[in-house]
Amino acid sequence: MRPMRGLVFVTVSLLPALFAGIAAYFVLGGTAGDEWETWMYGPCYLVPGLIVGGSLYLGLRDEGEIKQ
């Protein structure tokens, strides 16, 4: 069950991660007409990767038993 939940979390977080990466790119000074070689790797790869990786971690972690 945990791997499926992790994949669902990753799938749901892809679009917000892409928007966060685009926003970070423009906030740090990127422009829409830049060449491919002048991309900034932090906003383009690190920010979305951390968001997707974090959601995968949250989906895969064990929550333990529920006590009533």
N, C-alpha and C. Protein backbone atom coordinates (compact mmCIF):
# COMPACT_ATOMS: atom_id res chain seq x y z
N MET A 1 0.82 -1.19 0.00
CA MET A 1 0.00 0.00 0.00
C MET A 1 0.87 1.26 0.00
N ARG A 2 1.99 1.22 0.73
CA ARG A 2 2.83 2.42 0.80
C ARG A 2 3.43 2.80 -0.54
N PRO A 3 3.92 1.86 -1.37
CA PRO A 3 4.45 2.29 -2.68
C PRO A 3 3.40 2.95 -3.56
N MET A 4 2.19 2.44 -3.53
CA MET A 4 1.13 3.05 -4.34
C MET A 4 0.79 4.45 -3.82
N ARG A 5 0.74 4.61 -2.51
CA ARG A 5 0.47 5.92 -1.93
C ARG A 5 1.60 6.89 -2.28
N GLY A 6 2.84 6.41 -2.26
CA GLY A 6 3.97 7.25 -2.64
C GLY A 6 3.89 7.71 -4.08
N LEU A 7 3.50 6.80 -4.98
CA LEU A 7 3.36 7.17 -6.39
C LEU A 7 2.22 8.16 -6.62
N VAL A 8 1.15 8.01 -5.86
CA VAL A 8 0.04 8.96 -5.97
C VAL A 8 0.49 10.35 -5.49
N PHE A 9 1.22 10.39 -4.38
CA PHE A 9 1.72 11.67 -3.87
C PHE A 9 2.64 12.34 -4.89
N VAL A 10 3.52 11.56 -5.51
CA VAL A 10 4.44 12.09 -6.51
C VAL A 10 3.67 12.62 -7.72
N THR A 11 2.69 11.86 -8.18
CA THR A 11 1.91 12.27 -9.34
C THR A 11 1.16 13.57 -9.07
N VAL A 12 0.59 13.69 -7.89
CA VAL A 12 -0.17 14.89 -7.54
C VAL A 12 0.76 16.09 -7.37
N SER A 13 2.00 15.87 -6.93
CA SER A 13 2.90 17.00 -6.66
C SER A 13 3.68 17.45 -7.90
N LEU A 14 3.56 16.78 -9.03
CA LEU A 14 4.34 17.16 -10.21
C LEU A 14 3.99 18.56 -10.72
N LEU A 15 2.73 18.84 -10.87
CA LEU A 15 2.32 20.14 -11.41
C LEU A 15 2.69 21.30 -10.47
N PRO A 16 2.40 21.21 -9.17
CA PRO A 16 2.84 22.29 -8.28
C PRO A 16 4.37 22.43 -8.23
N ALA A 17 5.10 21.33 -8.36
CA ALA A 17 6.56 21.40 -8.36
C ALA A 17 7.06 22.13 -9.60
N LEU A 18 6.45 21.89 -10.74
CA LEU A 18 6.85 22.60 -11.95
C LEU A 18 6.56 24.09 -11.84
N PHE A 19 5.40 24.45 -11.31
CA PHE A 19 5.07 25.86 -11.12
C PHE A 19 6.03 26.52 -10.12
N ALA A 20 6.39 25.82 -9.06
CA ALA A 20 7.33 26.38 -8.08
C ALA A 20 8.70 26.57 -8.71
N GLY A 21 9.13 25.64 -9.55
CA GLY A 21 10.41 25.78 -10.24
C GLY A 21 10.41 26.95 -11.20
N ILE A 22 9.33 27.12 -11.94
CA ILE A 22 9.22 28.25 -12.87
C ILE A 22 9.22 29.57 -12.10
N ALA A 23 8.49 29.63 -11.01
CA ALA A 23 8.45 30.84 -10.19
C ALA A 23 9.83 31.16 -9.62
N ALA A 24 10.53 30.15 -9.11
CA ALA A 24 11.88 30.37 -8.57
C ALA A 24 12.84 30.82 -9.65
N TYR A 25 12.69 30.31 -10.85
CA TYR A 25 13.55 30.70 -11.97
C TYR A 25 13.38 32.18 -12.27
N PHE A 26 12.14 32.66 -12.33
CA PHE A 26 11.91 34.07 -12.63
C PHE A 26 12.28 34.97 -11.46
N VAL A 27 12.07 34.51 -10.22
CA VAL A 27 12.42 35.31 -9.05
C VAL A 27 13.93 35.50 -8.97
N LEU A 28 14.71 34.49 -9.35
CA LEU A 28 16.16 34.58 -9.29
C LEU A 28 16.78 35.23 -10.52
N GLY A 29 15.97 35.78 -11.41
CA GLY A 29 16.50 36.57 -12.50
C GLY A 29 16.48 35.94 -13.87
N GLY A 30 15.85 34.83 -14.04
CA GLY A 30 15.75 34.21 -15.36
C GLY A 30 14.75 34.95 -16.22
N THR A 31 14.98 34.91 -17.53
CA THR A 31 14.04 35.54 -18.46
C THR A 31 13.52 34.49 -19.42
N ALA A 32 12.44 34.80 -20.09
CA ALA A 32 11.79 33.83 -20.97
C ALA A 32 12.59 33.55 -22.23
N GLY A 33 13.50 34.43 -22.64
CA GLY A 33 14.22 34.25 -23.89
C GLY A 33 15.63 33.70 -23.74
N ASP A 34 16.00 33.20 -22.56
CA ASP A 34 17.37 32.71 -22.35
C ASP A 34 17.65 31.46 -23.17
N GLU A 35 18.91 31.30 -23.54
CA GLU A 35 19.35 30.10 -24.24
C GLU A 35 19.39 28.92 -23.26
N TRP A 36 19.42 27.71 -23.81
CA TRP A 36 19.42 26.50 -22.99
C TRP A 36 20.65 26.43 -22.07
N GLU A 37 21.80 26.88 -22.54
CA GLU A 37 23.03 26.78 -21.77
C GLU A 37 23.07 27.72 -20.58
N THR A 38 22.23 28.73 -20.54
CA THR A 38 22.28 29.70 -19.45
C THR A 38 21.24 29.44 -18.37
N TRP A 39 20.63 28.26 -18.37
CA TRP A 39 19.65 27.94 -17.34
C TRP A 39 20.31 27.87 -15.99
N MET A 40 19.54 28.14 -14.97
CA MET A 40 20.01 27.97 -13.60
C MET A 40 19.54 26.62 -13.10
N TYR A 41 20.46 25.79 -12.64
CA TYR A 41 20.12 24.43 -12.26
C TYR A 41 19.34 24.35 -10.96
N GLY A 42 19.57 25.26 -10.02
CA GLY A 42 18.85 25.23 -8.74
C GLY A 42 17.35 25.35 -8.90
N PRO A 43 16.87 26.42 -9.52
CA PRO A 43 15.43 26.56 -9.66
C PRO A 43 14.82 25.58 -10.63
N CYS A 44 15.57 25.18 -11.64
CA CYS A 44 14.99 24.32 -12.67
C CYS A 44 14.95 22.85 -12.28
N TYR A 45 15.92 22.41 -11.49
CA TYR A 45 15.99 20.99 -11.15
C TYR A 45 15.91 20.74 -9.65
N LEU A 46 16.56 21.56 -8.84
CA LEU A 46 16.62 21.31 -7.41
C LEU A 46 15.28 21.56 -6.72
N VAL A 47 14.65 22.68 -7.00
CA VAL A 47 13.36 23.01 -6.34
C VAL A 47 12.28 21.97 -6.67
N PRO A 48 12.02 21.67 -7.96
CA PRO A 48 11.02 20.63 -8.24
C PRO A 48 11.43 19.25 -7.72
N GLY A 49 12.72 18.95 -7.78
CA GLY A 49 13.19 17.66 -7.28
C GLY A 49 12.98 17.49 -5.79
N LEU A 50 13.21 18.56 -5.04
CA LEU A 50 12.98 18.49 -3.60
C LEU A 50 11.50 18.35 -3.27
N ILE A 51 10.66 19.03 -4.01
CA ILE A 51 9.21 18.91 -3.77
C ILE A 51 8.72 17.51 -4.08
N VAL A 52 9.11 16.97 -5.23
CA VAL A 52 8.68 15.63 -5.62
C VAL A 52 9.29 14.58 -4.68
N GLY A 53 10.57 14.74 -4.36
CA GLY A 53 11.21 13.80 -3.44
C GLY A 53 10.60 13.84 -2.05
N GLY A 54 10.25 15.02 -1.59
CA GLY A 54 9.60 15.14 -0.28
C GLY A 54 8.23 14.50 -0.26
N SER A 55 7.50 14.67 -1.34
CA SER A 55 6.18 14.03 -1.38
C SER A 55 6.31 12.52 -1.48
N LEU A 56 7.34 12.04 -2.17
CA LEU A 56 7.57 10.59 -2.21
C LEU A 56 7.92 10.07 -0.82
N TYR A 57 8.75 10.81 -0.10
CA TYR A 57 9.09 10.42 1.27
C TYR A 57 7.84 10.38 2.16
N LEU A 58 7.00 11.40 2.04
CA LEU A 58 5.78 11.43 2.86
C LEU A 58 4.85 10.27 2.50
N GLY A 59 4.81 9.88 1.24
CA GLY A 59 3.96 8.78 0.84
C GLY A 59 4.49 7.42 1.26
N LEU A 60 5.82 7.30 1.35
CA LEU A 60 6.42 6.00 1.69
C LEU A 60 6.63 5.77 3.18
N ARG A 61 6.58 6.83 3.99
CA ARG A 61 6.86 6.63 5.40
C ARG A 61 5.74 5.86 6.08
N ASP A 62 6.13 5.18 7.13
CA ASP A 62 5.18 4.37 7.88
C ASP A 62 4.56 5.23 8.97
N GLU A 63 3.25 5.25 9.04
CA GLU A 63 2.57 6.09 10.02
C GLU A 63 2.30 5.37 11.33
N GLY A 64 2.60 4.11 11.40
CA GLY A 64 2.36 3.37 12.63
C GLY A 64 0.91 2.98 12.80
N GLU A 65 0.63 2.32 13.91
CA GLU A 65 -0.74 1.89 14.17
C GLU A 65 -1.57 3.03 14.74
N ILE A 66 -2.83 3.00 14.43
CA ILE A 66 -3.76 4.00 14.96
C ILE A 66 -4.34 3.45 16.26
N LYS A 67 -4.16 4.20 17.33
CA LYS A 67 -4.68 3.77 18.63
C LYS A 67 -6.00 4.45 18.89
N GLN A 68 -6.96 3.65 19.34
CA GLN A 68 -8.29 4.21 19.62
C GLN A 68 -8.56 4.23 21.09
